[in-house]
All heavy atoms as atom14 arrays in JSON, in Angstrom:
{
  "sequence": "STNDMVIIASTCRSGRIDENFTEALGVVCRELARMMA",
  "atom14_mask": [
    [1, 1, 1, 1, 1, 1, 0, 0, 0, 0, 0, 0, 0, 0],
    [1, 1, 1, 1, 1, 1, 1, 0, 0, 0, 0, 0, 0, 0],
    [1, 1, 1, 1, 1, 1, 1, 1, 0, 0, 0, 0, 0, 0],
    [1, 1, 1, 1, 1, 1, 1, 1, 0, 0, 0, 0, 0, 0],
    [1, 1, 1, 1, 1, 1, 1, 1, 0, 0, 0, 0, 0, 0],
    [1, 1, 1, 1, 1, 1, 1, 0, 0, 0, 0, 0, 0, 0],
    [1, 1, 1, 1, 1, 1, 1, 1, 0, 0, 0, 0, 0, 0],
    [1, 1, 1, 1, 1, 1, 1, 1, 0, 0, 0, 0, 0, 0],
    [1, 1, 1, 1, 1, 0, 0, 0, 0, 0, 0, 0, 0, 0],
    [1, 1, 1, 1, 1, 1, 0, 0, 0, 0, 0, 0, 0, 0],
    [1, 1, 1, 1, 1, 1, 1, 0, 0, 0, 0, 0, 0, 0],
    [1, 1, 1, 1, 1, 1, 0, 0, 0, 0, 0, 0, 0, 0],
    [1, 1, 1, 1, 1, 1, 1, 1, 1, 1, 1, 0, 0, 0],
    [1, 1, 1, 1, 1, 1, 0, 0, 0, 0, 0, 0, 0, 0],
    [1, 1, 1, 1, 0, 0, 0, 0, 0, 0, 0, 0, 0, 0],
    [1, 1, 1, 1, 1, 1, 1, 1, 1, 1, 1, 0, 0, 0],
    [1, 1, 1, 1, 1, 1, 1, 1, 0, 0, 0, 0, 0, 0],
    [1, 1, 1, 1, 1, 1, 1, 1, 0, 0, 0, 0, 0, 0],
    [1, 1, 1, 1, 1, 1, 1, 1, 1, 0, 0, 0, 0, 0],
    [1, 1, 1, 1, 1, 1, 1, 1, 0, 0, 0, 0, 0, 0],
    [1, 1, 1, 1, 1, 1, 1, 1, 1, 1, 1, 0, 0, 0],
    [1, 1, 1, 1, 1, 1, 1, 0, 0, 0, 0, 0, 0, 0],
    [1, 1, 1, 1, 1, 1, 1, 1, 1, 0, 0, 0, 0, 0],
    [1, 1, 1, 1, 1, 0, 0, 0, 0, 0, 0, 0, 0, 0],
    [1, 1, 1, 1, 1, 1, 1, 1, 0, 0, 0, 0, 0, 0],
    [1, 1, 1, 1, 0, 0, 0, 0, 0, 0, 0, 0, 0, 0],
    [1, 1, 1, 1, 1, 1, 1, 0, 0, 0, 0, 0, 0, 0],
    [1, 1, 1, 1, 1, 1, 1, 0, 0, 0, 0, 0, 0, 0],
    [1, 1, 1, 1, 1, 1, 0, 0, 0, 0, 0, 0, 0, 0],
    [1, 1, 1, 1, 1, 1, 1, 1, 1, 1, 1, 0, 0, 0],
    [1, 1, 1, 1, 1, 1, 1, 1, 1, 0, 0, 0, 0, 0],
    [1, 1, 1, 1, 1, 1, 1, 1, 0, 0, 0, 0, 0, 0],
    [1, 1, 1, 1, 1, 0, 0, 0, 0, 0, 0, 0, 0, 0],
    [1, 1, 1, 1, 1, 1, 1, 1, 1, 1, 1, 0, 0, 0],
    [1, 1, 1, 1, 1, 1, 1, 1, 0, 0, 0, 0, 0, 0],
    [1, 1, 1, 1, 1, 1, 1, 1, 0, 0, 0, 0, 0, 0],
    [1, 1, 1, 1, 1, 0, 0, 0, 0, 0, 0, 0, 0, 0]
  ],
  "atom14_positions": [
    [[94.96, 73.83, 93.34], [95.53, 73.49, 94.63], [94.53, 72.84, 95.57], [93.31, 72.99, 95.43], [96.09, 74.76, 95.28], [96.42, 74.53, 96.62], [0.0, 0.0, 0.0], [0.0, 0.0, 0.0], [0.0, 0.0, 0.0], [0.0, 0.0, 0.0], [0.0, 0.0, 0.0], [0.0, 0.0, 0.0], [0.0, 0.0, 0.0], [0.0, 0.0, 0.0]],
    [[95.07, 72.17, 96.57], [94.27, 71.58, 97.64], [93.99, 72.57, 98.76], [93.23, 72.27, 99.68], [95.05, 70.4, 98.25], [96.34, 70.89, 98.7], [95.28, 69.31, 97.23], [0.0, 0.0, 0.0], [0.0, 0.0, 0.0], [0.0, 0.0, 0.0], [0.0, 0.0, 0.0], [0.0, 0.0, 0.0], [0.0, 0.0, 0.0], [0.0, 0.0, 0.0]],
    [[94.6, 73.76, 98.71], [94.56, 74.7, 99.84], [93.98, 76.06, 99.49], [93.95, 76.95, 100.34], [95.98, 74.91, 100.39], [96.53, 73.7, 101.09], [96.66, 72.63, 100.5], [96.86, 73.84, 102.35], [0.0, 0.0, 0.0], [0.0, 0.0, 0.0], [0.0, 0.0, 0.0], [0.0, 0.0, 0.0], [0.0, 0.0, 0.0], [0.0, 0.0, 0.0]],
    [[93.49, 76.25, 98.25], [92.99, 77.56, 97.84], [91.93, 78.09, 98.81], [91.02, 77.37, 99.21], [92.36, 77.47, 96.46], [93.38, 77.23, 95.36], [94.57, 77.47, 95.61], [92.99, 76.8, 94.28], [0.0, 0.0, 0.0], [0.0, 0.0, 0.0], [0.0, 0.0, 0.0], [0.0, 0.0, 0.0], [0.0, 0.0, 0.0], [0.0, 0.0, 0.0]],
    [[92.03, 79.38, 99.11], [91.11, 79.97, 100.06], [91.07, 81.49, 99.88], [92.11, 82.13, 99.77], [91.57, 79.64, 101.49], [90.66, 80.13, 102.6], [91.35, 79.75, 104.25], [91.42, 77.95, 104.21], [0.0, 0.0, 0.0], [0.0, 0.0, 0.0], [0.0, 0.0, 0.0], [0.0, 0.0, 0.0], [0.0, 0.0, 0.0], [0.0, 0.0, 0.0]],
    [[89.86, 82.04, 99.8], [89.67, 83.48, 99.84], [88.67, 83.77, 100.95], [87.58, 83.2, 100.97], [89.13, 84.03, 98.51], [88.96, 85.54, 98.6], [90.05, 83.67, 97.36], [0.0, 0.0, 0.0], [0.0, 0.0, 0.0], [0.0, 0.0, 0.0], [0.0, 0.0, 0.0], [0.0, 0.0, 0.0], [0.0, 0.0, 0.0], [0.0, 0.0, 0.0]],
    [[89.05, 84.64, 101.87], [88.18, 85.01, 102.99], [88.0, 86.52, 103.0], [88.95, 87.26, 102.82], [88.76, 84.56, 104.35], [88.87, 83.03, 104.42], [87.91, 85.07, 105.5], [89.55, 82.53, 105.68], [0.0, 0.0, 0.0], [0.0, 0.0, 0.0], [0.0, 0.0, 0.0], [0.0, 0.0, 0.0], [0.0, 0.0, 0.0], [0.0, 0.0, 0.0]],
    [[86.76, 86.96, 103.21], [86.49, 88.37, 103.41], [85.87, 88.56, 104.79], [85.01, 87.79, 105.21], [85.55, 88.94, 102.31], [85.4, 90.44, 102.49], [84.22, 88.23, 102.28], [84.73, 91.13, 101.3], [0.0, 0.0, 0.0], [0.0, 0.0, 0.0], [0.0, 0.0, 0.0], [0.0, 0.0, 0.0], [0.0, 0.0, 0.0], [0.0, 0.0, 0.0]],
    [[86.36, 89.57, 105.52], [85.86, 89.86, 106.86], [85.54, 91.35, 106.95], [86.32, 92.19, 106.49], [86.91, 89.5, 107.91], [0.0, 0.0, 0.0], [0.0, 0.0, 0.0], [0.0, 0.0, 0.0], [0.0, 0.0, 0.0], [0.0, 0.0, 0.0], [0.0, 0.0, 0.0], [0.0, 0.0, 0.0], [0.0, 0.0, 0.0], [0.0, 0.0, 0.0]],
    [[84.39, 91.67, 107.53], [83.97, 93.06, 107.62], [83.73, 93.5, 109.05], [83.08, 92.79, 109.83], [82.68, 93.3, 106.82], [82.28, 94.65, 106.93], [0.0, 0.0, 0.0], [0.0, 0.0, 0.0], [0.0, 0.0, 0.0], [0.0, 0.0, 0.0], [0.0, 0.0, 0.0], [0.0, 0.0, 0.0], [0.0, 0.0, 0.0], [0.0, 0.0, 0.0]],
    [[84.23, 94.7, 109.36], [83.99, 95.29, 110.69], [82.61, 95.94, 110.77], [82.16, 96.29, 111.86], [85.05, 96.35, 110.99], [84.95, 97.4, 110.01], [86.45, 95.76, 110.95], [0.0, 0.0, 0.0], [0.0, 0.0, 0.0], [0.0, 0.0, 0.0], [0.0, 0.0, 0.0], [0.0, 0.0, 0.0], [0.0, 0.0, 0.0], [0.0, 0.0, 0.0]],
    [[81.95, 96.12, 109.62], [80.6, 96.69, 109.54], [80.5, 98.08, 110.14], [79.45, 98.47, 110.69], [79.58, 95.75, 110.21], [79.39, 94.15, 109.4], [0.0, 0.0, 0.0], [0.0, 0.0, 0.0], [0.0, 0.0, 0.0], [0.0, 0.0, 0.0], [0.0, 0.0, 0.0], [0.0, 0.0, 0.0], [0.0, 0.0, 0.0], [0.0, 0.0, 0.0]],
    [[81.55, 98.88, 110.02], [81.57, 100.22, 110.61], [81.18, 101.31, 109.63], [81.1, 102.49, 110.01], [82.96, 100.51, 111.17], [83.37, 99.59, 112.31], [84.73, 99.99, 112.85], [85.17, 99.1, 113.93], [86.3, 99.26, 114.62], [87.11, 100.27, 114.32], [86.64, 98.41, 115.58], [0.0, 0.0, 0.0], [0.0, 0.0, 0.0], [0.0, 0.0, 0.0]],
    [[80.95, 100.96, 108.37], [80.6, 101.98, 107.37], [79.16, 101.77, 106.91], [78.35, 101.17, 107.61], [81.59, 101.92, 106.2], [81.35, 102.96, 105.29], [0.0, 0.0, 0.0], [0.0, 0.0, 0.0], [0.0, 0.0, 0.0], [0.0, 0.0, 0.0], [0.0, 0.0, 0.0], [0.0, 0.0, 0.0], [0.0, 0.0, 0.0], [0.0, 0.0, 0.0]],
    [[78.84, 102.26, 105.69], [77.48, 102.18, 105.19], [77.12, 100.8, 104.67], [77.95, 99.88, 104.63], [0.0, 0.0, 0.0], [0.0, 0.0, 0.0], [0.0, 0.0, 0.0], [0.0, 0.0, 0.0], [0.0, 0.0, 0.0], [0.0, 0.0, 0.0], [0.0, 0.0, 0.0], [0.0, 0.0, 0.0], [0.0, 0.0, 0.0], [0.0, 0.0, 0.0]],
    [[75.87, 100.67, 104.22], [75.34, 99.39, 103.8], [75.94, 98.94, 102.46], [76.2, 99.74, 101.57], [73.82, 99.47, 103.65], [73.07, 99.42, 104.96], [73.16, 98.04, 105.57], [72.56, 97.03, 104.71], [72.85, 95.73, 104.77], [73.76, 95.28, 105.61], [72.25, 94.88, 103.96], [0.0, 0.0, 0.0], [0.0, 0.0, 0.0], [0.0, 0.0, 0.0]],
    [[76.11, 97.65, 102.34], [76.62, 97.03, 101.12], [75.7, 97.36, 99.94], [74.47, 97.4, 100.1], [76.75, 95.5, 101.31], [77.46, 94.86, 100.12], [75.39, 94.87, 101.57], [77.78, 93.39, 100.35], [0.0, 0.0, 0.0], [0.0, 0.0, 0.0], [0.0, 0.0, 0.0], [0.0, 0.0, 0.0], [0.0, 0.0, 0.0], [0.0, 0.0, 0.0]],
    [[76.31, 97.62, 98.78], [75.53, 97.92, 97.58], [76.36, 97.57, 96.35], [77.43, 96.96, 96.46], [75.08, 99.38, 97.56], [76.25, 100.36, 97.63], [77.38, 99.99, 97.23], [76.05, 101.51, 98.08], [0.0, 0.0, 0.0], [0.0, 0.0, 0.0], [0.0, 0.0, 0.0], [0.0, 0.0, 0.0], [0.0, 0.0, 0.0], [0.0, 0.0, 0.0]],
    [[75.89, 97.96, 95.18], [76.6, 97.63, 93.94], [77.94, 98.34, 93.84], [78.85, 97.85, 93.18], [75.74, 97.97, 92.72], [74.66, 96.93, 92.44], [75.24, 95.54, 92.18], [76.21, 95.43, 91.4], [74.73, 94.57, 92.75], [0.0, 0.0, 0.0], [0.0, 0.0, 0.0], [0.0, 0.0, 0.0], [0.0, 0.0, 0.0], [0.0, 0.0, 0.0]],
    [[78.08, 99.5, 94.47], [79.38, 100.18, 94.47], [80.43, 99.33, 95.18], [81.58, 99.24, 94.75], [79.27, 101.55, 95.15], [78.59, 102.57, 94.27], [78.14, 102.26, 93.18], [78.5, 103.81, 94.75], [0.0, 0.0, 0.0], [0.0, 0.0, 0.0], [0.0, 0.0, 0.0], [0.0, 0.0, 0.0], [0.0, 0.0, 0.0], [0.0, 0.0, 0.0]],
    [[80.01, 98.71, 96.28], [80.93, 97.81, 96.99], [81.3, 96.62, 96.11], [82.47, 96.24, 96.01], [80.31, 97.31, 98.29], [81.08, 96.18, 98.92], [82.23, 96.43, 99.66], [80.67, 94.87, 98.75], [82.96, 95.4, 100.22], [81.4, 93.82, 99.31], [82.54, 94.09, 100.05], [0.0, 0.0, 0.0], [0.0, 0.0, 0.0], [0.0, 0.0, 0.0]],
    [[80.32, 96.02, 95.47], [80.57, 94.87, 94.62], [81.54, 95.22, 93.49], [82.44, 94.45, 93.16], [79.25, 94.34, 94.04], [78.39, 93.96, 95.12], [79.49, 93.13, 93.15], [0.0, 0.0, 0.0], [0.0, 0.0, 0.0], [0.0, 0.0, 0.0], [0.0, 0.0, 0.0], [0.0, 0.0, 0.0], [0.0, 0.0, 0.0], [0.0, 0.0, 0.0]],
    [[81.37, 96.42, 92.92], [82.27, 96.87, 91.86], [83.68, 97.04, 92.4], [84.66, 96.61, 91.76], [81.77, 98.2, 91.29], [82.63, 98.74, 90.17], [82.14, 100.07, 89.64], [80.95, 100.4, 89.86], [82.94, 100.79, 89.0], [0.0, 0.0, 0.0], [0.0, 0.0, 0.0], [0.0, 0.0, 0.0], [0.0, 0.0, 0.0], [0.0, 0.0, 0.0]],
    [[83.82, 97.67, 93.57], [85.15, 97.88, 94.15], [85.81, 96.56, 94.52], [87.03, 96.38, 94.32], [85.04, 98.78, 95.38], [0.0, 0.0, 0.0], [0.0, 0.0, 0.0], [0.0, 0.0, 0.0], [0.0, 0.0, 0.0], [0.0, 0.0, 0.0], [0.0, 0.0, 0.0], [0.0, 0.0, 0.0], [0.0, 0.0, 0.0], [0.0, 0.0, 0.0]],
    [[85.03, 95.62, 95.04], [85.58, 94.31, 95.38], [86.07, 93.6, 94.13], [87.12, 92.94, 94.15], [84.52, 93.47, 96.09], [84.96, 92.08, 96.56], [86.11, 92.17, 97.56], [83.77, 91.33, 97.18], [0.0, 0.0, 0.0], [0.0, 0.0, 0.0], [0.0, 0.0, 0.0], [0.0, 0.0, 0.0], [0.0, 0.0, 0.0], [0.0, 0.0, 0.0]],
    [[85.35, 93.74, 93.03], [85.79, 93.16, 91.78], [87.11, 93.74, 91.32], [87.99, 93.01, 90.85], [0.0, 0.0, 0.0], [0.0, 0.0, 0.0], [0.0, 0.0, 0.0], [0.0, 0.0, 0.0], [0.0, 0.0, 0.0], [0.0, 0.0, 0.0], [0.0, 0.0, 0.0], [0.0, 0.0, 0.0], [0.0, 0.0, 0.0], [0.0, 0.0, 0.0]],
    [[87.29, 95.04, 91.47], [88.55, 95.68, 91.11], [89.69, 95.13, 91.95], [90.77, 94.8, 91.43], [88.45, 97.21, 91.28], [89.83, 97.86, 91.18], [87.51, 97.8, 90.23], [0.0, 0.0, 0.0], [0.0, 0.0, 0.0], [0.0, 0.0, 0.0], [0.0, 0.0, 0.0], [0.0, 0.0, 0.0], [0.0, 0.0, 0.0], [0.0, 0.0, 0.0]],
    [[89.48, 95.01, 93.26], [90.51, 94.49, 94.16], [90.92, 93.08, 93.76], [92.12, 92.77, 93.65], [89.99, 94.51, 95.62], [90.88, 93.65, 96.53], [89.93, 95.94, 96.14], [0.0, 0.0, 0.0], [0.0, 0.0, 0.0], [0.0, 0.0, 0.0], [0.0, 0.0, 0.0], [0.0, 0.0, 0.0], [0.0, 0.0, 0.0], [0.0, 0.0, 0.0]],
    [[89.96, 92.21, 93.52], [90.28, 90.82, 93.18], [90.95, 90.71, 91.81], [91.87, 89.9, 91.63], [89.01, 89.96, 93.23], [88.36, 89.74, 94.91], [0.0, 0.0, 0.0], [0.0, 0.0, 0.0], [0.0, 0.0, 0.0], [0.0, 0.0, 0.0], [0.0, 0.0, 0.0], [0.0, 0.0, 0.0], [0.0, 0.0, 0.0], [0.0, 0.0, 0.0]],
    [[90.52, 91.52, 90.85], [91.16, 91.47, 89.53], [92.6, 91.97, 89.59], [93.49, 91.41, 88.93], [90.35, 92.27, 88.51], [89.05, 91.59, 88.1], [88.45, 92.25, 86.88], [88.04, 93.62, 87.11], [86.87, 94.0, 87.6], [85.97, 93.07, 87.93], [86.57, 95.27, 87.75], [0.0, 0.0, 0.0], [0.0, 0.0, 0.0], [0.0, 0.0, 0.0]],
    [[92.85, 93.0, 90.39], [94.22, 93.5, 90.53], [95.12, 92.46, 91.19], [96.27, 92.28, 90.8], [94.24, 94.81, 91.33], [93.72, 96.0, 90.55], [94.52, 96.26, 89.29], [95.76, 96.28, 89.36], [93.9, 96.41, 88.21], [0.0, 0.0, 0.0], [0.0, 0.0, 0.0], [0.0, 0.0, 0.0], [0.0, 0.0, 0.0], [0.0, 0.0, 0.0]],
    [[94.61, 91.76, 92.19], [95.39, 90.7, 92.82], [95.65, 89.56, 91.83], [96.75, 88.99, 91.81], [94.67, 90.17, 94.06], [94.62, 91.09, 95.27], [93.72, 90.51, 96.35], [96.02, 91.35, 95.83], [0.0, 0.0, 0.0], [0.0, 0.0, 0.0], [0.0, 0.0, 0.0], [0.0, 0.0, 0.0], [0.0, 0.0, 0.0], [0.0, 0.0, 0.0]],
    [[94.66, 89.24, 91.01], [94.85, 88.19, 89.99], [95.94, 88.6, 89.02], [96.78, 87.77, 88.62], [93.53, 87.93, 89.25], [0.0, 0.0, 0.0], [0.0, 0.0, 0.0], [0.0, 0.0, 0.0], [0.0, 0.0, 0.0], [0.0, 0.0, 0.0], [0.0, 0.0, 0.0], [0.0, 0.0, 0.0], [0.0, 0.0, 0.0], [0.0, 0.0, 0.0]],
    [[95.96, 89.87, 88.61], [97.01, 90.35, 87.7], [98.38, 90.24, 88.36], [99.37, 89.88, 87.71], [96.74, 91.79, 87.3], [95.57, 91.97, 86.34], [95.52, 93.38, 85.8], [94.38, 93.57, 84.91], [93.23, 94.11, 85.28], [93.07, 94.53, 86.54], [92.25, 94.25, 84.41], [0.0, 0.0, 0.0], [0.0, 0.0, 0.0], [0.0, 0.0, 0.0]],
    [[98.46, 90.56, 89.65], [99.74, 90.44, 90.37], [100.23, 89.0, 90.37], [101.41, 88.73, 90.16], [99.59, 90.92, 91.82], [99.36, 92.39, 91.98], [99.23, 92.82, 93.75], [98.36, 94.38, 93.65], [0.0, 0.0, 0.0], [0.0, 0.0, 0.0], [0.0, 0.0, 0.0], [0.0, 0.0, 0.0], [0.0, 0.0, 0.0], [0.0, 0.0, 0.0]],
    [[99.31, 88.07, 90.58], [99.7, 86.66, 90.6], [100.12, 86.18, 89.22], [101.03, 85.36, 89.1], [98.57, 85.81, 91.16], [98.47, 85.89, 92.68], [97.24, 84.79, 93.38], [95.84, 85.87, 93.39], [0.0, 0.0, 0.0], [0.0, 0.0, 0.0], [0.0, 0.0, 0.0], [0.0, 0.0, 0.0], [0.0, 0.0, 0.0], [0.0, 0.0, 0.0]],
    [[99.47, 86.7, 88.19], [99.88, 86.34, 86.82], [101.3, 86.85, 86.55], [102.13, 86.14, 85.96], [98.91, 86.93, 85.8], [0.0, 0.0, 0.0], [0.0, 0.0, 0.0], [0.0, 0.0, 0.0], [0.0, 0.0, 0.0], [0.0, 0.0, 0.0], [0.0, 0.0, 0.0], [0.0, 0.0, 0.0], [0.0, 0.0, 0.0], [0.0, 0.0, 0.0]]
  ]
}
């Protein structure tokens, strides 16, 4: 597409970013990809 876009926005109210966050973000994006499939 000409319009594809993924945006992430953080309120920064919790703890520091780490590999646990990266793993959870991967789960979220893969689940959304499965929904689109």
